[in-house]
């Protein structure tokens, strides 16, 4: 089965890295990206839909039909945000998009990009971790063909990709010179935007017993050291 994939968040660091890998992979037949602004990439197997309001997908929902994979890479930082607003932009928005995609494609599999430290109990002290945990739990309970939660740790952007989150970009600029050393010492904990994209494609393509995967799990799926 070749993948026909929908990607949300393709203008962000994770989503753009995944998109580039999808476009290179011969096992990915077609890609639909739904963005608020153009991703700036042209490719024969790429279709782009610009849509501003992700809480109302009715004008574009027919565009979602005919896909067997959904990669949900859309997310926001919780810094400076109330729990109610973060819940709205994380849980409410993600579940609305997922429900719409599933209604249009009942046999769809999904990958949802979460984060290291996500709280599956939904009862911890960290607000963002509770909300992410609630989102994961809901997605795992939905009747997708398969569902994988990607608890991403540190990620090195390649191919000119930069994070849109200001604090992450600042931290990366300061620590980037350490990355080659960290990869030598902790090779299974380090991912690049390339290796992350390749692993996400592979887990959906081949299937995996684990439904919640961290950096080391994704590197194990690649069956080699992280891809440079």
N, C-alpha and C. Protein backbone atom coordinates (compact mmCIF):
# COMPACT_ATOMS: atom_id res chain seq x y z
N UNK A 1 0.84 -1.20 0.00
CA UNK A 1 0.00 0.00 0.00
C UNK A 1 0.87 1.25 0.00
N UNK A 2 0.68 2.08 -0.99
CA UNK A 2 1.39 3.35 -1.00
C UNK A 2 0.59 4.37 -0.19
N UNK A 3 1.31 5.28 0.43
CA UNK A 3 0.66 6.26 1.29
C UNK A 3 0.10 7.41 0.48
N UNK A 4 -1.11 7.79 0.81
CA UNK A 4 -1.72 9.03 0.34
C UNK A 4 -1.98 9.84 1.59
N UNK A 5 -1.18 10.86 1.82
CA UNK A 5 -1.08 11.49 3.14
C UNK A 5 -1.60 12.91 3.17
N UNK A 6 -2.28 13.22 4.27
CA UNK A 6 -2.63 14.59 4.62
C UNK A 6 -1.66 15.04 5.70
N UNK A 7 -1.11 16.24 5.54
CA UNK A 7 -0.22 16.81 6.56
C UNK A 7 -0.79 18.14 7.01
N UNK A 8 -0.98 18.30 8.32
CA UNK A 8 -1.27 19.62 8.88
C UNK A 8 0.01 20.13 9.55
N UNK A 9 0.19 21.43 9.55
CA UNK A 9 1.39 22.01 10.16
C UNK A 9 2.62 21.94 9.28
N UNK A 10 2.44 21.90 7.96
CA UNK A 10 3.56 21.72 7.05
C UNK A 10 4.47 22.94 6.94
N UNK A 11 4.06 24.08 7.52
CA UNK A 11 4.95 25.24 7.51
C UNK A 11 5.82 25.29 8.77
N UNK A 12 5.58 24.39 9.73
CA UNK A 12 6.38 24.32 10.93
C UNK A 12 7.60 23.42 10.75
N UNK A 13 8.45 23.37 11.78
CA UNK A 13 9.70 22.62 11.68
C UNK A 13 9.45 21.13 11.46
N UNK A 14 8.58 20.52 12.26
CA UNK A 14 8.31 19.09 12.14
C UNK A 14 7.58 18.79 10.83
N UNK A 15 6.52 19.55 10.57
CA UNK A 15 5.72 19.29 9.39
C UNK A 15 6.46 19.48 8.09
N UNK A 16 7.31 20.50 8.02
CA UNK A 16 8.05 20.74 6.79
C UNK A 16 9.09 19.66 6.55
N UNK A 17 9.75 19.23 7.63
CA UNK A 17 10.71 18.14 7.49
C UNK A 17 10.03 16.87 7.00
N UNK A 18 8.87 16.57 7.57
CA UNK A 18 8.09 15.41 7.14
C UNK A 18 7.67 15.54 5.68
N UNK A 19 7.19 16.72 5.30
CA UNK A 19 6.77 16.94 3.93
C UNK A 19 7.90 16.67 2.95
N UNK A 20 9.09 17.17 3.23
CA UNK A 20 10.23 16.95 2.33
C UNK A 20 10.53 15.47 2.18
N UNK A 21 10.42 14.71 3.28
CA UNK A 21 10.68 13.28 3.20
C UNK A 21 9.57 12.56 2.43
N UNK A 22 8.33 12.98 2.60
CA UNK A 22 7.23 12.39 1.84
C UNK A 22 7.41 12.60 0.35
N UNK A 23 7.84 13.78 -0.03
CA UNK A 23 8.00 14.08 -1.45
C UNK A 23 9.15 13.27 -2.07
N UNK A 24 10.15 12.91 -1.25
CA UNK A 24 11.27 12.11 -1.75
C UNK A 24 10.98 10.62 -1.78
N UNK A 25 10.04 10.17 -0.95
CA UNK A 25 9.82 8.73 -0.74
C UNK A 25 8.92 8.16 -1.85
N UNK A 26 9.40 7.16 -2.58
CA UNK A 26 8.58 6.56 -3.65
C UNK A 26 7.36 5.81 -3.13
N UNK A 27 7.36 5.49 -1.81
CA UNK A 27 6.21 4.79 -1.23
C UNK A 27 5.09 5.75 -0.84
N UNK A 28 5.33 7.05 -0.98
CA UNK A 28 4.29 8.05 -0.76
C UNK A 28 3.80 8.52 -2.12
N UNK A 29 2.55 8.20 -2.42
CA UNK A 29 2.00 8.48 -3.75
C UNK A 29 1.57 9.92 -3.92
N UNK A 30 0.93 10.50 -2.88
CA UNK A 30 0.44 11.87 -2.98
C UNK A 30 0.37 12.49 -1.60
N UNK A 31 0.44 13.80 -1.57
CA UNK A 31 0.43 14.55 -0.30
C UNK A 31 -0.51 15.75 -0.44
N UNK A 32 -1.39 15.88 0.54
CA UNK A 32 -2.22 17.08 0.66
C UNK A 32 -1.79 17.82 1.90
N UNK A 33 -1.45 19.10 1.77
CA UNK A 33 -1.16 19.92 2.94
C UNK A 33 -2.26 20.96 3.09
N UNK A 34 -2.72 21.14 4.31
CA UNK A 34 -3.72 22.15 4.63
C UNK A 34 -3.04 23.18 5.51
N UNK A 35 -2.89 24.38 5.02
CA UNK A 35 -2.15 25.43 5.71
C UNK A 35 -2.94 26.72 5.75
N UNK A 36 -2.55 27.57 6.67
CA UNK A 36 -3.08 28.94 6.69
C UNK A 36 -2.31 29.85 5.75
N UNK A 37 -1.08 29.44 5.42
CA UNK A 37 -0.25 30.21 4.50
C UNK A 37 0.54 29.25 3.63
N UNK A 38 0.98 29.67 2.44
CA UNK A 38 1.67 28.76 1.52
C UNK A 38 2.95 28.20 2.12
N UNK A 39 3.22 26.93 1.81
CA UNK A 39 4.43 26.29 2.30
C UNK A 39 5.64 26.63 1.44
N UNK A 40 5.40 27.09 0.21
CA UNK A 40 6.49 27.52 -0.65
C UNK A 40 7.23 26.41 -1.35
N UNK A 41 6.56 25.27 -1.57
CA UNK A 41 7.16 24.13 -2.25
C UNK A 41 6.25 23.71 -3.40
N UNK A 42 6.85 23.44 -4.55
CA UNK A 42 6.11 22.93 -5.71
C UNK A 42 6.60 21.52 -6.00
N UNK A 43 5.66 20.60 -6.21
CA UNK A 43 6.05 19.22 -6.52
C UNK A 43 4.88 18.53 -7.19
N UNK A 44 5.19 17.57 -8.07
CA UNK A 44 4.15 16.91 -8.85
C UNK A 44 3.14 16.17 -7.98
N UNK A 45 3.57 15.62 -6.85
CA UNK A 45 2.63 14.85 -6.02
C UNK A 45 2.10 15.64 -4.82
N UNK A 46 2.33 16.94 -4.81
CA UNK A 46 1.88 17.79 -3.71
C UNK A 46 0.67 18.63 -4.13
N UNK A 47 -0.35 18.62 -3.29
CA UNK A 47 -1.51 19.50 -3.44
C UNK A 47 -1.63 20.33 -2.17
N UNK A 48 -1.85 21.62 -2.32
CA UNK A 48 -1.93 22.52 -1.17
C UNK A 48 -3.28 23.21 -1.13
N UNK A 49 -3.89 23.19 0.05
CA UNK A 49 -5.14 23.90 0.29
C UNK A 49 -4.88 24.96 1.35
N UNK A 50 -5.14 26.20 1.02
CA UNK A 50 -4.99 27.30 1.98
C UNK A 50 -6.35 27.54 2.62
N UNK A 51 -6.38 27.41 3.94
CA UNK A 51 -7.65 27.56 4.67
C UNK A 51 -7.33 28.17 6.03
N UNK A 52 -8.01 29.25 6.37
CA UNK A 52 -7.68 30.01 7.57
C UNK A 52 -8.28 29.44 8.85
N UNK A 53 -9.50 28.92 8.78
CA UNK A 53 -10.23 28.53 9.99
C UNK A 53 -10.29 27.02 10.12
N UNK A 54 -9.41 26.45 10.94
CA UNK A 54 -9.38 25.01 11.12
C UNK A 54 -10.52 24.51 12.00
N UNK A 55 -11.27 25.43 12.62
CA UNK A 55 -12.44 25.03 13.39
C UNK A 55 -13.68 24.89 12.50
N UNK A 56 -13.57 25.31 11.26
CA UNK A 56 -14.65 25.14 10.29
C UNK A 56 -14.05 24.64 8.98
N UNK A 57 -14.04 23.33 8.82
CA UNK A 57 -13.46 22.73 7.63
C UNK A 57 -14.50 22.43 6.55
N UNK A 58 -15.74 22.81 6.79
CA UNK A 58 -16.80 22.47 5.84
C UNK A 58 -16.52 22.98 4.42
N UNK A 59 -15.89 24.16 4.24
CA UNK A 59 -15.65 24.60 2.86
C UNK A 59 -14.63 23.74 2.11
N UNK A 60 -13.78 23.00 2.85
CA UNK A 60 -12.71 22.24 2.19
C UNK A 60 -12.76 20.75 2.50
N UNK A 61 -13.79 20.29 3.21
CA UNK A 61 -13.77 18.89 3.66
C UNK A 61 -13.77 17.89 2.51
N UNK A 62 -14.36 18.23 1.38
CA UNK A 62 -14.34 17.31 0.24
C UNK A 62 -12.92 17.11 -0.31
N UNK A 63 -12.06 18.11 -0.07
CA UNK A 63 -10.66 17.99 -0.49
C UNK A 63 -9.92 16.92 0.29
N UNK A 64 -10.44 16.57 1.47
CA UNK A 64 -9.77 15.60 2.34
C UNK A 64 -10.04 14.16 1.95
N UNK A 65 -10.96 13.93 1.04
CA UNK A 65 -11.38 12.57 0.70
C UNK A 65 -10.33 11.90 -0.18
N UNK A 66 -10.11 10.59 0.08
CA UNK A 66 -9.22 9.81 -0.77
C UNK A 66 -7.83 9.62 -0.23
N UNK A 67 -7.65 9.81 1.09
CA UNK A 67 -6.33 9.67 1.71
C UNK A 67 -6.36 8.57 2.77
N UNK A 68 -5.24 7.87 2.92
CA UNK A 68 -5.19 6.76 3.88
C UNK A 68 -4.31 7.02 5.10
N UNK A 69 -3.71 8.21 5.16
CA UNK A 69 -2.80 8.54 6.26
C UNK A 69 -2.95 10.01 6.62
N UNK A 70 -2.96 10.29 7.92
CA UNK A 70 -2.97 11.67 8.39
C UNK A 70 -1.80 11.91 9.32
N UNK A 71 -0.99 12.91 9.01
CA UNK A 71 0.11 13.32 9.87
C UNK A 71 -0.28 14.66 10.50
N UNK A 72 -0.51 14.66 11.82
CA UNK A 72 -0.97 15.86 12.51
C UNK A 72 0.23 16.52 13.20
N UNK A 73 0.80 17.51 12.54
CA UNK A 73 2.01 18.19 13.03
C UNK A 73 1.72 19.62 13.47
N UNK A 74 0.45 20.00 13.48
CA UNK A 74 0.08 21.36 13.84
C UNK A 74 0.08 21.50 15.35
N UNK A 75 0.75 22.53 15.87
CA UNK A 75 0.79 22.73 17.31
C UNK A 75 1.24 24.13 17.67
N UNK A 76 1.01 24.48 18.93
CA UNK A 76 1.41 25.79 19.43
C UNK A 76 2.16 25.62 20.74
N UNK A 77 2.98 26.59 21.06
CA UNK A 77 3.66 26.61 22.36
C UNK A 77 2.68 27.07 23.43
N UNK A 78 2.80 26.49 24.62
CA UNK A 78 1.93 26.88 25.73
C UNK A 78 2.44 28.09 26.49
N UNK A 79 3.64 28.58 26.14
CA UNK A 79 4.26 29.69 26.87
C UNK A 79 3.35 30.92 26.80
N UNK A 80 2.99 31.45 27.96
CA UNK A 80 2.18 32.65 28.05
C UNK A 80 0.72 32.45 27.72
N UNK A 81 0.26 31.21 27.65
CA UNK A 81 -1.10 30.92 27.25
C UNK A 81 -1.89 30.33 28.41
N UNK A 82 -3.15 30.70 28.52
CA UNK A 82 -4.01 30.12 29.55
C UNK A 82 -4.32 28.67 29.19
N UNK A 83 -4.73 27.89 30.20
CA UNK A 83 -5.08 26.50 29.92
C UNK A 83 -6.27 26.41 28.97
N UNK A 84 -7.24 27.29 29.14
CA UNK A 84 -8.43 27.26 28.29
C UNK A 84 -8.06 27.49 26.83
N UNK A 85 -7.19 28.45 26.57
CA UNK A 85 -6.81 28.76 25.20
C UNK A 85 -5.92 27.66 24.62
N UNK A 86 -5.00 27.15 25.44
CA UNK A 86 -4.14 26.06 24.96
C UNK A 86 -4.98 24.81 24.66
N UNK A 87 -5.96 24.53 25.50
CA UNK A 87 -6.87 23.41 25.28
C UNK A 87 -7.61 23.60 23.97
N UNK A 88 -8.08 24.80 23.72
CA UNK A 88 -8.82 25.08 22.48
C UNK A 88 -7.95 24.87 21.25
N UNK A 89 -6.70 25.35 21.29
CA UNK A 89 -5.83 25.30 20.12
C UNK A 89 -5.10 23.97 19.98
N UNK A 90 -5.15 23.14 21.02
CA UNK A 90 -4.48 21.84 20.97
C UNK A 90 -5.50 20.71 20.90
N UNK A 91 -6.29 20.54 21.95
CA UNK A 91 -7.26 19.44 21.97
C UNK A 91 -8.42 19.69 21.00
N UNK A 92 -9.13 20.81 21.18
CA UNK A 92 -10.33 21.05 20.38
C UNK A 92 -10.03 21.07 18.89
N UNK A 93 -8.99 21.79 18.51
CA UNK A 93 -8.67 21.92 17.09
C UNK A 93 -8.23 20.57 16.51
N UNK A 94 -7.34 19.88 17.20
CA UNK A 94 -6.83 18.60 16.69
C UNK A 94 -7.95 17.59 16.52
N UNK A 95 -8.82 17.48 17.54
CA UNK A 95 -9.89 16.49 17.47
C UNK A 95 -10.90 16.85 16.37
N UNK A 96 -11.16 18.13 16.19
CA UNK A 96 -12.07 18.53 15.12
C UNK A 96 -11.51 18.14 13.76
N UNK A 97 -10.24 18.41 13.53
CA UNK A 97 -9.61 18.05 12.25
C UNK A 97 -9.60 16.53 12.09
N UNK A 98 -9.25 15.82 13.17
CA UNK A 98 -9.18 14.35 13.11
C UNK A 98 -10.55 13.75 12.81
N UNK A 99 -11.59 14.27 13.46
CA UNK A 99 -12.93 13.74 13.22
C UNK A 99 -13.37 13.97 11.77
N UNK A 100 -13.04 15.13 11.24
CA UNK A 100 -13.40 15.43 9.86
C UNK A 100 -12.66 14.53 8.89
N UNK A 101 -11.34 14.37 9.11
CA UNK A 101 -10.54 13.51 8.23
C UNK A 101 -11.01 12.07 8.30
N UNK A 102 -11.36 11.60 9.50
CA UNK A 102 -11.81 10.23 9.68
C UNK A 102 -13.17 10.01 9.01
N UNK A 103 -14.05 10.99 9.10
CA UNK A 103 -15.35 10.87 8.46
C UNK A 103 -15.20 10.75 6.94
N UNK A 104 -14.24 11.47 6.38
CA UNK A 104 -14.02 11.43 4.94
C UNK A 104 -13.23 10.19 4.51
N UNK A 105 -12.46 9.61 5.46
CA UNK A 105 -11.58 8.47 5.15
C UNK A 105 -11.64 7.46 6.29
N UNK A 106 -12.66 6.61 6.35
CA UNK A 106 -12.84 5.70 7.48
C UNK A 106 -11.70 4.71 7.71
N UNK A 107 -10.86 4.47 6.70
CA UNK A 107 -9.75 3.53 6.83
C UNK A 107 -8.42 4.23 7.09
N UNK A 108 -8.47 5.46 7.54
CA UNK A 108 -7.25 6.25 7.72
C UNK A 108 -6.45 5.82 8.95
N UNK A 109 -5.13 5.88 8.83
CA UNK A 109 -4.21 5.78 9.97
C UNK A 109 -3.67 7.18 10.27
N UNK A 110 -3.28 7.41 11.52
CA UNK A 110 -2.78 8.74 11.88
C UNK A 110 -1.48 8.66 12.68
N UNK A 111 -0.69 9.71 12.57
CA UNK A 111 0.43 9.99 13.46
C UNK A 111 0.21 11.39 14.02
N UNK A 112 0.22 11.50 15.33
CA UNK A 112 0.05 12.80 15.99
C UNK A 112 1.33 13.15 16.71
N UNK A 113 1.88 14.32 16.43
CA UNK A 113 3.13 14.75 17.05
C UNK A 113 2.82 15.45 18.36
N UNK A 114 3.26 14.82 19.43
CA UNK A 114 3.05 15.32 20.79
C UNK A 114 4.41 15.80 21.33
N UNK A 115 4.78 15.40 22.52
CA UNK A 115 6.07 15.83 23.05
C UNK A 115 6.50 14.98 24.23
N UNK A 116 7.80 14.88 24.45
CA UNK A 116 8.32 14.19 25.61
C UNK A 116 7.76 14.81 26.88
N UNK A 117 7.29 13.99 27.79
CA UNK A 117 6.71 14.49 29.03
C UNK A 117 5.20 14.58 29.02
N UNK A 118 4.59 14.24 27.88
CA UNK A 118 3.13 14.24 27.80
C UNK A 118 2.54 13.32 28.87
N UNK A 119 1.46 13.77 29.49
CA UNK A 119 0.89 13.11 30.67
C UNK A 119 -0.38 12.34 30.29
N UNK A 120 -0.24 11.02 30.16
CA UNK A 120 -1.38 10.19 29.77
C UNK A 120 -2.45 10.13 30.86
N UNK A 121 -2.06 10.39 32.11
CA UNK A 121 -3.04 10.35 33.21
C UNK A 121 -3.96 11.57 33.19
N UNK A 122 -3.51 12.64 32.52
CA UNK A 122 -4.24 13.91 32.44
C UNK A 122 -4.40 14.59 33.80
N UNK A 123 -3.56 14.19 34.78
CA UNK A 123 -3.72 14.71 36.15
C UNK A 123 -2.45 15.37 36.70
N UNK A 124 -1.41 15.46 35.90
CA UNK A 124 -0.16 16.00 36.39
C UNK A 124 -0.17 17.51 36.59
N UNK A 125 0.94 18.04 37.06
CA UNK A 125 1.03 19.48 37.38
C UNK A 125 1.24 20.34 36.14
N UNK A 126 1.83 19.77 35.10
CA UNK A 126 2.15 20.56 33.91
C UNK A 126 0.92 20.67 33.01
N UNK A 127 0.46 21.91 32.82
CA UNK A 127 -0.76 22.13 32.05
C UNK A 127 -0.66 21.57 30.64
N UNK A 128 0.43 21.90 29.93
CA UNK A 128 0.57 21.48 28.54
C UNK A 128 0.58 19.95 28.44
N UNK A 129 1.22 19.29 29.43
CA UNK A 129 1.33 17.83 29.40
C UNK A 129 -0.03 17.17 29.61
N UNK A 130 -0.86 17.76 30.46
CA UNK A 130 -2.21 17.23 30.66
C UNK A 130 -3.04 17.34 29.38
N UNK A 131 -2.97 18.51 28.75
CA UNK A 131 -3.77 18.73 27.55
C UNK A 131 -3.29 17.83 26.40
N UNK A 132 -1.98 17.70 26.26
CA UNK A 132 -1.45 16.81 25.23
C UNK A 132 -1.85 15.37 25.52
N UNK A 133 -1.81 14.97 26.80
CA UNK A 133 -2.22 13.62 27.16
C UNK A 133 -3.68 13.36 26.84
N UNK A 134 -4.53 14.34 27.12
CA UNK A 134 -5.95 14.21 26.80
C UNK A 134 -6.14 14.07 25.29
N UNK A 135 -5.38 14.83 24.53
CA UNK A 135 -5.47 14.76 23.07
C UNK A 135 -5.05 13.38 22.57
N UNK A 136 -3.91 12.90 23.07
CA UNK A 136 -3.46 11.56 22.70
C UNK A 136 -4.51 10.50 23.02
N UNK A 137 -5.03 10.54 24.24
CA UNK A 137 -6.00 9.54 24.68
C UNK A 137 -7.24 9.53 23.80
N UNK A 138 -7.70 10.70 23.43
CA UNK A 138 -8.89 10.78 22.58
C UNK A 138 -8.59 10.20 21.20
N UNK A 139 -7.46 10.55 20.62
CA UNK A 139 -7.11 10.04 19.29
C UNK A 139 -6.97 8.52 19.31
N UNK A 140 -6.37 7.98 20.37
CA UNK A 140 -6.20 6.53 20.47
C UNK A 140 -7.53 5.81 20.63
N UNK A 141 -8.53 6.50 21.13
CA UNK A 141 -9.86 5.89 21.32
C UNK A 141 -10.73 5.96 20.07
N UNK A 142 -10.31 6.73 19.09
CA UNK A 142 -11.12 6.91 17.87
C UNK A 142 -10.88 5.75 16.91
N UNK A 143 -11.86 5.44 16.04
CA UNK A 143 -11.78 4.24 15.20
C UNK A 143 -10.91 4.39 13.95
N UNK A 144 -9.71 4.91 14.13
CA UNK A 144 -8.76 4.94 13.03
C UNK A 144 -8.27 3.52 12.75
N UNK A 145 -7.83 3.28 11.52
CA UNK A 145 -7.22 1.99 11.19
C UNK A 145 -6.02 1.72 12.07
N UNK A 146 -5.27 2.75 12.36
CA UNK A 146 -4.13 2.67 13.27
C UNK A 146 -3.82 4.08 13.75
N UNK A 147 -3.22 4.19 14.93
CA UNK A 147 -2.90 5.52 15.47
C UNK A 147 -1.60 5.45 16.25
N UNK A 148 -0.75 6.44 16.03
CA UNK A 148 0.56 6.51 16.68
C UNK A 148 0.77 7.91 17.24
N UNK A 149 1.21 7.97 18.49
CA UNK A 149 1.49 9.22 19.16
C UNK A 149 3.01 9.40 19.21
N UNK A 150 3.50 10.47 18.63
CA UNK A 150 4.94 10.73 18.52
C UNK A 150 5.34 11.70 19.62
N UNK A 151 5.97 11.19 20.68
CA UNK A 151 6.42 12.04 21.78
C UNK A 151 7.84 12.51 21.49
N UNK A 152 7.90 13.59 20.77
CA UNK A 152 9.16 14.08 20.24
C UNK A 152 10.02 14.74 21.31
N UNK A 153 11.30 14.39 21.30
CA UNK A 153 12.28 15.06 22.15
C UNK A 153 13.05 16.09 21.34
N UNK A 154 14.35 16.21 21.60
CA UNK A 154 15.15 17.22 20.90
C UNK A 154 15.27 16.86 19.42
N UNK A 155 15.13 17.86 18.57
CA UNK A 155 15.12 17.67 17.13
C UNK A 155 16.06 18.67 16.47
N UNK A 156 16.95 18.16 15.62
CA UNK A 156 17.85 19.03 14.87
C UNK A 156 17.25 19.36 13.51
N UNK A 157 17.01 20.62 13.21
CA UNK A 157 16.48 20.98 11.89
C UNK A 157 17.58 20.98 10.83
N UNK A 158 17.27 20.39 9.70
CA UNK A 158 18.18 20.36 8.56
C UNK A 158 17.49 20.99 7.35
N UNK A 159 18.21 21.05 6.24
CA UNK A 159 17.66 21.49 4.95
C UNK A 159 17.09 22.91 5.00
N UNK A 160 17.70 23.75 5.82
CA UNK A 160 17.26 25.14 5.90
C UNK A 160 16.00 25.35 6.72
N UNK A 161 15.50 24.31 7.37
CA UNK A 161 14.28 24.41 8.17
C UNK A 161 14.60 25.08 9.50
N UNK A 162 13.70 25.95 9.93
CA UNK A 162 13.86 26.62 11.23
C UNK A 162 12.54 26.55 11.99
N UNK A 163 12.65 26.43 13.30
CA UNK A 163 11.45 26.42 14.13
C UNK A 163 10.79 27.79 14.13
N UNK A 164 9.45 27.80 14.15
CA UNK A 164 8.70 29.04 14.27
C UNK A 164 8.49 29.44 15.72
N UNK A 165 8.92 28.55 16.64
CA UNK A 165 8.83 28.85 18.07
C UNK A 165 10.10 29.58 18.48
N UNK A 166 9.95 30.81 18.93
CA UNK A 166 11.10 31.67 19.19
C UNK A 166 12.09 31.10 20.19
N UNK A 167 11.61 30.56 21.32
CA UNK A 167 12.52 30.06 22.35
C UNK A 167 13.29 28.84 21.86
N UNK A 168 12.65 27.99 21.03
CA UNK A 168 13.35 26.80 20.53
C UNK A 168 14.47 27.21 19.58
N UNK A 169 14.19 28.18 18.71
CA UNK A 169 15.21 28.66 17.79
C UNK A 169 16.39 29.26 18.54
N UNK A 170 16.09 30.00 19.61
CA UNK A 170 17.15 30.62 20.40
C UNK A 170 18.01 29.56 21.08
N UNK A 171 17.35 28.55 21.67
CA UNK A 171 18.10 27.47 22.33
C UNK A 171 18.94 26.71 21.32
N UNK A 172 18.37 26.45 20.15
CA UNK A 172 19.11 25.69 19.15
C UNK A 172 20.33 26.46 18.66
N UNK A 173 20.20 27.75 18.47
CA UNK A 173 21.34 28.54 18.00
C UNK A 173 22.50 28.46 18.99
N UNK A 174 22.17 28.42 20.27
CA UNK A 174 23.20 28.39 21.31
C UNK A 174 23.82 27.01 21.43
N UNK A 175 23.03 25.95 21.21
CA UNK A 175 23.49 24.59 21.49
C UNK A 175 23.81 23.79 20.23
N UNK A 176 23.64 24.36 19.05
CA UNK A 176 23.80 23.60 17.81
C UNK A 176 25.18 22.96 17.69
N UNK A 177 26.22 23.65 18.18
CA UNK A 177 27.57 23.12 18.04
C UNK A 177 27.76 21.83 18.85
N UNK A 178 26.87 21.59 19.83
CA UNK A 178 26.97 20.39 20.66
C UNK A 178 26.32 19.17 20.02
N UNK A 179 25.54 19.38 18.99
CA UNK A 179 24.73 18.29 18.47
C UNK A 179 25.56 17.11 17.98
N UNK A 180 26.65 17.31 17.22
CA UNK A 180 27.46 16.15 16.80
C UNK A 180 27.97 15.33 17.99
N UNK A 181 28.37 16.01 19.07
CA UNK A 181 28.84 15.30 20.26
C UNK A 181 27.70 14.54 20.92
N UNK A 182 26.54 15.18 21.04
CA UNK A 182 25.39 14.52 21.66
C UNK A 182 24.97 13.29 20.86
N UNK A 183 25.09 13.37 19.55
CA UNK A 183 24.72 12.22 18.72
C UNK A 183 25.68 11.06 18.93
N UNK A 184 26.93 11.36 19.23
CA UNK A 184 27.89 10.30 19.52
C UNK A 184 27.60 9.65 20.87
N UNK A 185 27.24 10.47 21.86
CA UNK A 185 27.03 9.97 23.22
C UNK A 185 25.64 9.35 23.38
N UNK A 186 24.63 9.98 22.78
CA UNK A 186 23.24 9.52 22.91
C UNK A 186 22.61 9.32 21.53
N UNK A 187 23.12 8.40 20.73
CA UNK A 187 22.67 8.29 19.34
C UNK A 187 21.19 7.95 19.21
N UNK A 188 20.62 7.19 20.14
CA UNK A 188 19.22 6.79 20.00
C UNK A 188 18.25 7.87 20.48
N UNK A 189 18.78 8.89 21.14
CA UNK A 189 17.92 9.96 21.64
C UNK A 189 17.84 11.16 20.70
N UNK A 190 18.66 11.18 19.67
CA UNK A 190 18.76 12.36 18.82
C UNK A 190 18.10 12.09 17.47
N UNK A 191 17.29 13.03 17.04
CA UNK A 191 16.63 12.94 15.74
C UNK A 191 16.88 14.22 14.95
N UNK A 192 16.88 14.08 13.64
CA UNK A 192 16.90 15.24 12.76
C UNK A 192 15.52 15.33 12.09
N UNK A 193 15.26 16.44 11.44
CA UNK A 193 13.99 16.54 10.72
C UNK A 193 13.90 15.48 9.62
N UNK A 194 15.04 15.08 9.07
CA UNK A 194 15.02 14.02 8.06
C UNK A 194 14.68 12.67 8.68
N UNK A 195 15.42 12.29 9.74
CA UNK A 195 15.19 10.96 10.33
C UNK A 195 13.82 10.86 10.96
N UNK A 196 13.31 11.94 11.53
CA UNK A 196 11.95 11.93 12.09
C UNK A 196 10.93 11.66 10.98
N UNK A 197 11.05 12.38 9.87
CA UNK A 197 10.12 12.18 8.77
C UNK A 197 10.17 10.76 8.23
N UNK A 198 11.38 10.23 8.07
CA UNK A 198 11.53 8.87 7.56
C UNK A 198 10.92 7.85 8.52
N UNK A 199 11.11 8.06 9.82
CA UNK A 199 10.57 7.12 10.81
C UNK A 199 9.05 7.17 10.85
N UNK A 200 8.47 8.36 10.76
CA UNK A 200 7.01 8.49 10.77
C UNK A 200 6.39 7.80 9.56
N UNK A 201 7.00 7.97 8.41
CA UNK A 201 6.51 7.29 7.21
C UNK A 201 6.61 5.78 7.40
N UNK A 202 7.71 5.33 7.94
CA UNK A 202 7.95 3.89 8.07
C UNK A 202 6.99 3.25 9.06
N UNK A 203 6.69 3.94 10.17
CA UNK A 203 5.82 3.33 11.17
C UNK A 203 4.40 3.18 10.64
N UNK A 204 3.95 4.15 9.85
CA UNK A 204 2.61 4.03 9.25
C UNK A 204 2.60 2.99 8.14
N UNK A 205 3.66 2.94 7.36
CA UNK A 205 3.74 2.01 6.25
C UNK A 205 3.80 0.56 6.73
N UNK A 206 4.64 0.29 7.73
CA UNK A 206 4.89 -1.08 8.15
C UNK A 206 4.08 -1.49 9.39
N UNK A 207 3.58 -0.52 10.15
CA UNK A 207 2.89 -0.83 11.39
C UNK A 207 3.87 -1.03 12.54
N UNK A 208 3.38 -0.89 13.76
CA UNK A 208 4.23 -0.99 14.94
C UNK A 208 3.38 -1.37 16.14
N UNK A 209 3.89 -2.27 16.99
CA UNK A 209 3.14 -2.65 18.19
C UNK A 209 3.02 -1.48 19.16
N UNK A 210 4.08 -0.68 19.26
CA UNK A 210 4.02 0.50 20.12
C UNK A 210 3.11 1.54 19.51
N UNK A 211 2.25 2.13 20.32
CA UNK A 211 1.37 3.18 19.85
C UNK A 211 1.83 4.56 20.32
N UNK A 212 2.68 4.60 21.33
CA UNK A 212 3.27 5.84 21.81
C UNK A 212 4.78 5.70 21.66
N UNK A 213 5.39 6.56 20.85
CA UNK A 213 6.79 6.39 20.49
C UNK A 213 7.60 7.65 20.79
N UNK A 214 8.74 7.45 21.43
CA UNK A 214 9.68 8.54 21.67
C UNK A 214 10.84 8.50 20.69
N UNK A 215 11.83 9.36 20.91
CA UNK A 215 12.97 9.44 20.00
C UNK A 215 13.68 8.11 19.83
N UNK A 216 13.94 7.40 20.94
CA UNK A 216 14.67 6.14 20.85
C UNK A 216 13.87 5.09 20.09
N UNK A 217 12.55 5.09 20.27
CA UNK A 217 11.71 4.14 19.53
C UNK A 217 11.76 4.42 18.03
N UNK A 218 11.73 5.70 17.67
CA UNK A 218 11.74 6.07 16.26
C UNK A 218 13.08 5.71 15.63
N UNK A 219 14.17 5.92 16.36
CA UNK A 219 15.47 5.52 15.84
C UNK A 219 15.56 4.02 15.68
N UNK A 220 14.94 3.28 16.62
CA UNK A 220 14.91 1.82 16.49
C UNK A 220 14.15 1.38 15.26
N UNK A 221 13.08 2.09 14.92
CA UNK A 221 12.29 1.76 13.74
C UNK A 221 13.11 1.93 12.47
N UNK A 222 14.01 2.89 12.48
CA UNK A 222 14.88 3.09 11.32
C UNK A 222 15.92 1.97 11.19
N UNK A 223 16.14 1.18 12.28
CA UNK A 223 17.05 0.03 12.29
C UNK A 223 18.48 0.42 11.94
N UNK A 224 18.84 1.62 12.35
CA UNK A 224 20.19 2.10 12.11
C UNK A 224 20.40 3.31 12.98
N UNK A 225 21.62 3.84 12.94
CA UNK A 225 21.87 5.11 13.62
C UNK A 225 21.00 6.18 12.98
N UNK A 226 20.70 7.26 13.70
CA UNK A 226 19.90 8.33 13.12
C UNK A 226 20.45 8.80 11.79
N UNK A 227 19.56 9.08 10.87
CA UNK A 227 19.95 9.53 9.54
C UNK A 227 20.47 10.96 9.61
N UNK A 228 21.55 11.23 8.92
CA UNK A 228 22.14 12.58 8.97
C UNK A 228 21.43 13.52 8.03
